[in-house]
């Protein structure tokens, strides 16, 4: 093998394995063109998220939409003992799932999507 073919081989192999991963990383969900600016919306990469925790939270949130909405607008309530006492179902949920509470405190954006406020 010549040096050039060895170099090409060394570059081609990692690229061949990376291409499928790159292609799956983000699917284009849509684009918006505004003047000379194009915004491309890509699917999020969930490989670093604990989908089981998200599902458990989603089940709770669908049963308690007012609590979920309050936490979305003000994530500091996640770690607020007073709020949990006033909403015993949330306190019970966090008692049963302290790992979810910890993950939510660390990165609430992974669990709550902030909906637009009325009038926005």
C-alpha atoms as a PDB file:
ATOM      1  CA  UNK A   1       0.000   0.000   0.000  1.00  0.00           C
ATOM      2  CA  UNK A   2       1.262   3.456  -0.805  1.00  0.00           C
ATOM      3  CA  UNK A   3       1.279   6.264   1.681  1.00  0.00           C
ATOM      4  CA  UNK A   4      -1.560   8.033  -0.151  1.00  0.00           C
ATOM      5  CA  UNK A   5      -3.819   4.965  -0.175  1.00  0.00           C
ATOM      6  CA  UNK A   6      -3.028   4.334   3.507  1.00  0.00           C
ATOM      7  CA  UNK A   7      -3.961   7.926   4.313  1.00  0.00           C
ATOM      8  CA  UNK A   8      -7.187   7.701   2.303  1.00  0.00           C
ATOM      9  CA  UNK A   9      -8.056   4.433   4.008  1.00  0.00           C
ATOM     10  CA  UNK A  10      -7.377   5.939   7.436  1.00  0.00           C
ATOM     11  CA  UNK A  11      -9.678   8.887   6.672  1.00  0.00           C
ATOM     12  CA  UNK A  12     -12.405   6.929   4.858  1.00  0.00           C
ATOM     13  CA  UNK A  13     -13.077   4.331   7.574  1.00  0.00           C
ATOM     14  CA  UNK A  14     -13.982   6.782  10.393  1.00  0.00           C
ATOM     15  CA  UNK A  15     -16.061   8.868   7.972  1.00  0.00           C
ATOM     16  CA  UNK A  16     -17.936   5.762   6.791  1.00  0.00           C
ATOM     17  CA  UNK A  17     -18.854   4.874  10.359  1.00  0.00           C
ATOM     18  CA  UNK A  18     -19.706   8.451  11.351  1.00  0.00           C
ATOM     19  CA  UNK A  19     -21.993   9.176   8.388  1.00  0.00           C
ATOM     20  CA  UNK A  20     -24.965   7.093   9.625  1.00  0.00           C
ATOM     21  CA  UNK A  21     -24.668   8.617  13.099  1.00  0.00           C
ATOM     22  CA  UNK A  22     -24.583  12.130  11.676  1.00  0.00           C
ATOM     23  CA  UNK A  23     -27.586  11.414   9.446  1.00  0.00           C
ATOM     24  CA  UNK A  24     -29.666  10.188  12.398  1.00  0.00           C
ATOM     25  CA  UNK A  25     -28.618  12.903  14.808  1.00  0.00           C
ATOM     26  CA  UNK A  26     -31.187  15.483  13.754  1.00  0.00           C
ATOM     27  CA  UNK A  27     -34.082  15.182  11.378  1.00  0.00           C
ATOM     28  CA  UNK A  28     -35.238  18.448   9.841  1.00  0.00           C
ATOM     29  CA  UNK A  29     -38.683  19.228  11.208  1.00  0.00           C
ATOM     30  CA  UNK A  30     -39.220  22.386   9.214  1.00  0.00           C
ATOM     31  CA  UNK A  31     -37.823  25.699   8.107  1.00  0.00           C
ATOM     32  CA  UNK A  32     -38.954  29.287   8.363  1.00  0.00           C
ATOM     33  CA  UNK A  33     -37.724  31.940   5.947  1.00  0.00           C
ATOM     34  CA  UNK A  34     -37.924  35.548   7.078  1.00  0.00           C
ATOM     35  CA  UNK A  35     -36.272  37.927   4.641  1.00  0.00           C
ATOM     36  CA  UNK A  36     -32.726  36.739   4.125  1.00  0.00           C
ATOM     37  CA  UNK A  37     -32.739  34.615   7.301  1.00  0.00           C
ATOM     38  CA  UNK A  38     -33.654  30.931   7.231  1.00  0.00           C
ATOM     39  CA  UNK A  39     -34.269  29.128  10.522  1.00  0.00           C
ATOM     40  CA  UNK A  40     -34.043  25.338  10.366  1.00  0.00           C
ATOM     41  CA  UNK A  41     -35.768  23.342  13.110  1.00  0.00           C
ATOM     42  CA  UNK A  42     -34.051  20.033  13.835  1.00  0.00           C
ATOM     43  CA  UNK A  43     -35.199  17.144  16.014  1.00  0.00           C
ATOM     44  CA  UNK A  44     -33.486  17.095  19.384  1.00  0.00           C
ATOM     45  CA  UNK A  45     -30.886  14.490  20.190  1.00  0.00           C
ATOM     46  CA  UNK A  46     -32.318  12.492  23.095  1.00  0.00           C
ATOM     47  CA  UNK A  47     -29.413  10.073  23.445  1.00  0.00           C
ATOM     48  CA  UNK A  48     -28.288  11.715  26.686  1.00  0.00           C
ATOM     49  CA  UNK A  49     -31.771  11.843  28.267  1.00  0.00           C
ATOM     50  CA  UNK A  50     -33.256   9.246  30.594  1.00  0.00           C
ATOM     51  CA  UNK A  51     -36.454   8.521  28.694  1.00  0.00           C
ATOM     52  CA  UNK A  52     -37.878   6.408  31.533  1.00  0.00           C
ATOM     53  CA  UNK A  53     -37.688   9.365  33.948  1.00  0.00           C
ATOM     54  CA  UNK A  54     -39.251  11.599  31.322  1.00  0.00           C
ATOM     55  CA  UNK A  55     -42.123   9.145  30.857  1.00  0.00           C
ATOM     56  CA  UNK A  56     -42.768   8.922  34.612  1.00  0.00           C
ATOM     57  CA  UNK A  57     -42.810  12.730  34.828  1.00  0.00           C
ATOM     58  CA  UNK A  58     -45.013  12.991  31.738  1.00  0.00           C
ATOM     59  CA  UNK A  59     -47.565  10.635  33.285  1.00  0.00           C
ATOM     60  CA  UNK A  60     -47.663  12.743  36.453  1.00  0.00           C
ATOM     61  CA  UNK A  61     -47.820  16.001  34.492  1.00  0.00           C
ATOM     62  CA  UNK A  62     -50.738  14.805  32.365  1.00  0.00           C
ATOM     63  CA  UNK A  63     -52.666  13.976  35.552  1.00  0.00           C
ATOM     64  CA  UNK A  64     -51.729  17.302  37.219  1.00  0.00           C
ATOM     65  CA  UNK A  65     -51.549  19.907  34.416  1.00  0.00           C
ATOM     66  CA  UNK A  66     -51.807  22.912  36.759  1.00  0.00           C
ATOM     67  CA  UNK A  67     -48.748  21.785  38.725  1.00  0.00           C
ATOM     68  CA  UNK A  68     -46.835  21.003  35.528  1.00  0.00           C
ATOM     69  CA  UNK A  69     -47.704  24.430  34.113  1.00  0.00           C
ATOM     70  CA  UNK A  70     -46.628  26.192  37.337  1.00  0.00           C
ATOM     71  CA  UNK A  71     -43.289  24.357  37.312  1.00  0.00           C
ATOM     72  CA  UNK A  72     -42.818  25.211  33.649  1.00  0.00           C
ATOM     73  CA  UNK A  73     -43.271  28.938  34.322  1.00  0.00           C
ATOM     74  CA  UNK A  74     -41.265  28.904  37.541  1.00  0.00           C
ATOM     75  CA  UNK A  75     -38.823  25.955  37.746  1.00  0.00           C
ATOM     76  CA  UNK A  76     -37.554  27.132  41.147  1.00  0.00           C
ATOM     77  CA  UNK A  77     -40.794  25.665  42.574  1.00  0.00           C
ATOM     78  CA  UNK A  78     -39.356  22.198  41.883  1.00  0.00           C
ATOM     79  CA  UNK A  79     -37.082  22.596  44.909  1.00  0.00           C
ATOM     80  CA  UNK A  80     -39.535  24.645  47.011  1.00  0.00           C
ATOM     81  CA  UNK A  81     -40.659  22.736  50.123  1.00  0.00           C
ATOM     82  CA  UNK A  82     -43.552  25.146  50.721  1.00  0.00           C
ATOM     83  CA  UNK A  83     -44.928  24.577  47.238  1.00  0.00           C
ATOM     84  CA  UNK A  84     -44.655  20.821  47.701  1.00  0.00           C
ATOM     85  CA  UNK A  85     -46.526  21.064  51.033  1.00  0.00           C
ATOM     86  CA  UNK A  86     -49.308  23.063  49.355  1.00  0.00           C
ATOM     87  CA  UNK A  87     -49.464  20.434  46.595  1.00  0.00           C
ATOM     88  CA  UNK A  88     -49.193  17.111  48.435  1.00  0.00           C
ATOM     89  CA  UNK A  89     -49.464  15.101  45.218  1.00  0.00           C
ATOM     90  CA  UNK A  90     -46.234  16.748  44.034  1.00  0.00           C
ATOM     91  CA  UNK A  91     -44.592  16.113  47.398  1.00  0.00           C
ATOM     92  CA  UNK A  92     -45.673  12.463  47.214  1.00  0.00           C
ATOM     93  CA  UNK A  93     -44.358  12.209  43.647  1.00  0.00           C
ATOM     94  CA  UNK A  94     -40.966  13.643  44.598  1.00  0.00           C
ATOM     95  CA  UNK A  95     -40.814  11.408  47.688  1.00  0.00           C
ATOM     96  CA  UNK A  96     -41.409   8.380  45.468  1.00  0.00           C
ATOM     97  CA  UNK A  97     -39.008   9.633  42.767  1.00  0.00           C
ATOM     98  CA  UNK A  98     -36.184  11.629  44.409  1.00  0.00           C
ATOM     99  CA  UNK A  99     -33.974  10.916  41.392  1.00  0.00           C
ATOM    100  CA  UNK A 100     -36.451  12.731  39.131  1.00  0.00           C
ATOM    101  CA  UNK A 101     -36.611  15.688  41.507  1.00  0.00           C
ATOM    102  CA  UNK A 102     -32.802  15.872  41.541  1.00  0.00           C
ATOM    103  CA  UNK A 103     -32.650  15.677  37.731  1.00  0.00           C
ATOM    104  CA  UNK A 104     -35.344  18.359  37.423  1.00  0.00           C
ATOM    105  CA  UNK A 105     -33.512  20.692  39.793  1.00  0.00           C
ATOM    106  CA  UNK A 106     -30.281  20.158  37.864  1.00  0.00           C
ATOM    107  CA  UNK A 107     -31.818  20.701  34.437  1.00  0.00           C
ATOM    108  CA  UNK A 108     -35.527  21.620  34.457  1.00  0.00           C
ATOM    109  CA  UNK A 109     -35.505  22.262  30.720  1.00  0.00           C
ATOM    110  CA  UNK A 110     -35.258  18.533  30.110  1.00  0.00           C
ATOM    111  CA  UNK A 111     -38.601  18.007  31.853  1.00  0.00           C
ATOM    112  CA  UNK A 112     -40.732  21.095  31.348  1.00  0.00           C
ATOM    113  CA  UNK A 113     -41.468  22.984  28.204  1.00  0.00           C
ATOM    114  CA  UNK A 114     -42.452  26.566  28.784  1.00  0.00           C
ATOM    115  CA  UNK A 115     -45.687  27.256  26.942  1.00  0.00           C
ATOM    116  CA  UNK A 116     -46.390  30.797  25.827  1.00  0.00           C
ATOM    117  CA  UNK A 117     -48.091  32.936  28.439  1.00  0.00           C
ATOM    118  CA  UNK A 118     -51.573  34.165  27.593  1.00  0.00           C
ATOM    119  CA  UNK A 119     -51.337  37.187  25.337  1.00  0.00           C
ATOM    120  CA  UNK A 120     -47.844  36.339  24.045  1.00  0.00           C
END
